[in-house]
Structure formats: C-alpha cells, structure tokens
Amino acid sequence: MTRPDDRLAALFAADLPPARDPGFQAEVLEGLARRRFQADLMWLASAAVVSGAALWLLWPVVAPTLEALGRGLAPGAMALAVAASIVILATGRTLLPRS
C-alpha cells in the first residue's frame, strides 16, 4: 500500500516546472540589461545637461582664452593637417593601425 505522501508527490510531480527554462532566463536577463541601459542612459543624459549648462555659464570667460590660443596655434595646426593629408594621399594609408 502506498502512503498518502507518495501519492501527493506523484500528483504534484507532473506539474513541476522544468529545472531550467532558457526562455524565462533570457527574459529575466533582458529585463536586467534594459534597466541597466536605462540607468546608464539617464546618467549620461544628466551629465550632458549639466556639462552644457556649465559651459554656457562659463563661455564668456573661456571664449577670449580660446580665441587667443586659436590665433597662436592655427598656423601649426594647419601645417600638421596639410602634412597628414599629403602622407595619406601619397601612401594611400592612414597613420592609425586598423583593428
């Protein structure tokens, strides 16, 4: 004769979920990744807004300094740009290695 516990165990064994459900695991991991992405996106958007506001506030102080530096560095930057263009056109390759 079987015990009542054995009969109940056999009855409930048919309804047990599988030990591992890949679809469920994928959905859970997708939800976690989505929440992490949204948190990162919110952080980056906040940082961009704060940086933009700070630059807007500091622009009257920074603009004359950048203008003075630009006047002094423009000839050298132009020479470097021309030299790099000549090297790229002559060799057909950029200076950066390909990944």
C-alpha atoms as a PDB file:
ATOM      1  CA  MET A   1       0.000   0.000   0.000  1.00  0.00           C
ATOM      2  CA  THR A   2       1.300   3.462  -0.866  1.00  0.00           C
ATOM      3  CA  ARG A   3       1.473   6.232   1.656  1.00  0.00           C
ATOM      4  CA  PRO A   4      -0.564   9.427   1.088  1.00  0.00           C
ATOM      5  CA  ASP A   5       2.662  11.429   0.815  1.00  0.00           C
ATOM      6  CA  ASP A   6       3.832   9.293  -2.094  1.00  0.00           C
ATOM      7  CA  ARG A   7       0.528   9.752  -3.908  1.00  0.00           C
ATOM      8  CA  LEU A   8       0.659  13.520  -3.413  1.00  0.00           C
ATOM      9  CA  ALA A   9       4.275  13.650  -4.558  1.00  0.00           C
ATOM     10  CA  ALA A  10       3.370  11.715  -7.709  1.00  0.00           C
ATOM     11  CA  LEU A  11       0.396  14.001  -8.324  1.00  0.00           C
ATOM     12  CA  PHE A  12       2.421  17.195  -7.956  1.00  0.00           C
ATOM     13  CA  ALA A  13       5.420  15.855  -9.904  1.00  0.00           C
ATOM     14  CA  ALA A  14       3.514  16.241 -13.169  1.00  0.00           C
ATOM     15  CA  ASP A  15       3.075  19.980 -12.568  1.00  0.00           C
ATOM     16  CA  LEU A  16       6.640  20.810 -11.558  1.00  0.00           C
ATOM     17  CA  PRO A  17       8.374  23.317 -13.836  1.00  0.00           C
ATOM     18  CA  PRO A  18      11.488  22.198 -15.654  1.00  0.00           C
ATOM     19  CA  ALA A  19      14.711  22.542 -13.719  1.00  0.00           C
ATOM     20  CA  ARG A  20      15.956  25.142 -16.199  1.00  0.00           C
ATOM     21  CA  ASP A  21      13.873  27.320 -18.512  1.00  0.00           C
ATOM     22  CA  PRO A  22      16.087  29.098 -21.075  1.00  0.00           C
ATOM     23  CA  GLY A  23      13.266  31.321 -22.317  1.00  0.00           C
ATOM     24  CA  PHE A  24      12.492  32.579 -18.824  1.00  0.00           C
ATOM     25  CA  GLN A  25      16.178  33.144 -18.073  1.00  0.00           C
ATOM     26  CA  ALA A  26      16.593  35.091 -21.309  1.00  0.00           C
ATOM     27  CA  GLU A  27      13.608  37.304 -20.491  1.00  0.00           C
ATOM     28  CA  VAL A  28      14.893  37.994 -16.982  1.00  0.00           C
ATOM     29  CA  LEU A  29      18.386  38.832 -18.248  1.00  0.00           C
ATOM     30  CA  GLU A  30      16.908  41.032 -20.983  1.00  0.00           C
ATOM     31  CA  GLY A  31      14.930  42.952 -18.369  1.00  0.00           C
ATOM     32  CA  LEU A  32      18.028  43.421 -16.237  1.00  0.00           C
ATOM     33  CA  ALA A  33      20.048  44.622 -19.218  1.00  0.00           C
ATOM     34  CA  ARG A  34      17.277  47.029 -20.226  1.00  0.00           C
ATOM     35  CA  ARG A  35      17.128  48.526 -16.708  1.00  0.00           C
ATOM     36  CA  ARG A  36      20.922  48.874 -16.591  1.00  0.00           C
ATOM     37  CA  PHE A  37      20.927  50.528 -20.039  1.00  0.00           C
ATOM     38  CA  GLN A  38      18.198  52.968 -18.998  1.00  0.00           C
ATOM     39  CA  ALA A  39      20.093  53.842 -15.803  1.00  0.00           C
ATOM     40  CA  ASP A  40      23.302  54.439 -17.796  1.00  0.00           C
ATOM     41  CA  LEU A  41      21.402  56.498 -20.348  1.00  0.00           C
ATOM     42  CA  MET A  42      19.823  58.618 -17.615  1.00  0.00           C
ATOM     43  CA  TRP A  43      23.232  59.179 -16.003  1.00  0.00           C
ATOM     44  CA  LEU A  44      24.847  60.180 -19.303  1.00  0.00           C
ATOM     45  CA  ALA A  45      21.967  62.481 -20.260  1.00  0.00           C
ATOM     46  CA  SER A  46      22.157  64.189 -16.868  1.00  0.00           C
ATOM     47  CA  ALA A  47      25.915  64.635 -17.206  1.00  0.00           C
ATOM     48  CA  ALA A  48      25.479  66.105 -20.695  1.00  0.00           C
ATOM     49  CA  VAL A  49      22.858  68.591 -19.497  1.00  0.00           C
ATOM     50  CA  VAL A  50      24.967  69.674 -16.511  1.00  0.00           C
ATOM     51  CA  SER A  51      28.101  69.994 -18.684  1.00  0.00           C
ATOM     52  CA  GLY A  52      26.205  72.015 -21.283  1.00  0.00           C
ATOM     53  CA  ALA A  53      24.831  74.361 -18.622  1.00  0.00           C
ATOM     54  CA  ALA A  54      28.296  74.815 -17.090  1.00  0.00           C
ATOM     55  CA  LEU A  55      29.811  75.579 -20.497  1.00  0.00           C
ATOM     56  CA  TRP A  56      27.010  78.037 -21.242  1.00  0.00           C
ATOM     57  CA  LEU A  57      27.687  79.815 -17.952  1.00  0.00           C
ATOM     58  CA  LEU A  58      31.479  79.836 -18.368  1.00  0.00           C
ATOM     59  CA  TRP A  59      31.567  80.712 -22.085  1.00  0.00           C
ATOM     60  CA  PRO A  60      32.092  84.476 -21.584  1.00  0.00           C
ATOM     61  CA  VAL A  61      35.225  83.685 -19.540  1.00  0.00           C
ATOM     62  CA  VAL A  62      36.509  80.841 -21.755  1.00  0.00           C
ATOM     63  CA  ALA A  63      35.894  82.410 -25.192  1.00  0.00           C
ATOM     64  CA  PRO A  64      38.675  85.060 -25.079  1.00  0.00           C
ATOM     65  CA  THR A  65      41.210  82.468 -23.916  1.00  0.00           C
ATOM     66  CA  LEU A  66      40.264  80.048 -26.696  1.00  0.00           C
ATOM     67  CA  GLU A  67      40.414  82.844 -29.243  1.00  0.00           C
ATOM     68  CA  ALA A  68      43.928  83.837 -28.139  1.00  0.00           C
ATOM     69  CA  LEU A  69      45.098  80.216 -28.208  1.00  0.00           C
ATOM     70  CA  GLY A  70      43.499  79.682 -31.600  1.00  0.00           C
ATOM     71  CA  ARG A  71      45.335  82.618 -33.117  1.00  0.00           C
ATOM     72  CA  GLY A  72      48.660  81.292 -31.830  1.00  0.00           C
ATOM     73  CA  LEU A  73      48.120  77.627 -32.695  1.00  0.00           C
ATOM     74  CA  ALA A  74      46.295  77.963 -36.023  1.00  0.00           C
ATOM     75  CA  PRO A  75      49.414  78.079 -38.272  1.00  0.00           C
ATOM     76  CA  GLY A  76      50.909  74.979 -36.647  1.00  0.00           C
ATOM     77  CA  ALA A  77      47.631  73.080 -36.780  1.00  0.00           C
ATOM     78  CA  MET A  78      47.205  73.989 -40.442  1.00  0.00           C
ATOM     79  CA  ALA A  79      50.733  72.766 -41.226  1.00  0.00           C
ATOM     80  CA  LEU A  80      50.069  69.448 -39.458  1.00  0.00           C
ATOM     81  CA  ALA A  81      46.784  68.994 -41.315  1.00  0.00           C
ATOM     82  CA  VAL A  82      48.460  69.625 -44.673  1.00  0.00           C
ATOM     83  CA  ALA A  83      51.324  67.234 -43.840  1.00  0.00           C
ATOM     84  CA  ALA A  84      48.910  64.495 -42.768  1.00  0.00           C
ATOM     85  CA  SER A  85      46.871  64.988 -45.953  1.00  0.00           C
ATOM     86  CA  ILE A  86      49.984  64.680 -48.104  1.00  0.00           C
ATOM     87  CA  VAL A  87      51.046  61.475 -46.322  1.00  0.00           C
ATOM     88  CA  ILE A  88      47.573  59.952 -46.707  1.00  0.00           C
ATOM     89  CA  LEU A  89      47.322  60.884 -50.378  1.00  0.00           C
ATOM     90  CA  ALA A  90      50.866  59.734 -51.181  1.00  0.00           C
ATOM     91  CA  THR A  91      50.743  56.376 -49.419  1.00  0.00           C
ATOM     92  CA  GLY A  92      47.027  55.598 -49.551  1.00  0.00           C
ATOM     93  CA  ARG A  93      47.115  54.640 -45.878  1.00  0.00           C
ATOM     94  CA  THR A  94      46.182  56.423 -42.704  1.00  0.00           C
ATOM     95  CA  LEU A  95      48.560  56.729 -39.802  1.00  0.00           C
ATOM     96  CA  LEU A  96      46.286  54.731 -37.491  1.00  0.00           C
ATOM     97  CA  PRO A  97      46.536  50.937 -37.462  1.00  0.00           C
ATOM     98  CA  ARG A  98      43.451  49.018 -38.494  1.00  0.00           C
ATOM     99  CA  SER A  99      41.723  46.991 -35.818  1.00  0.00           C
END
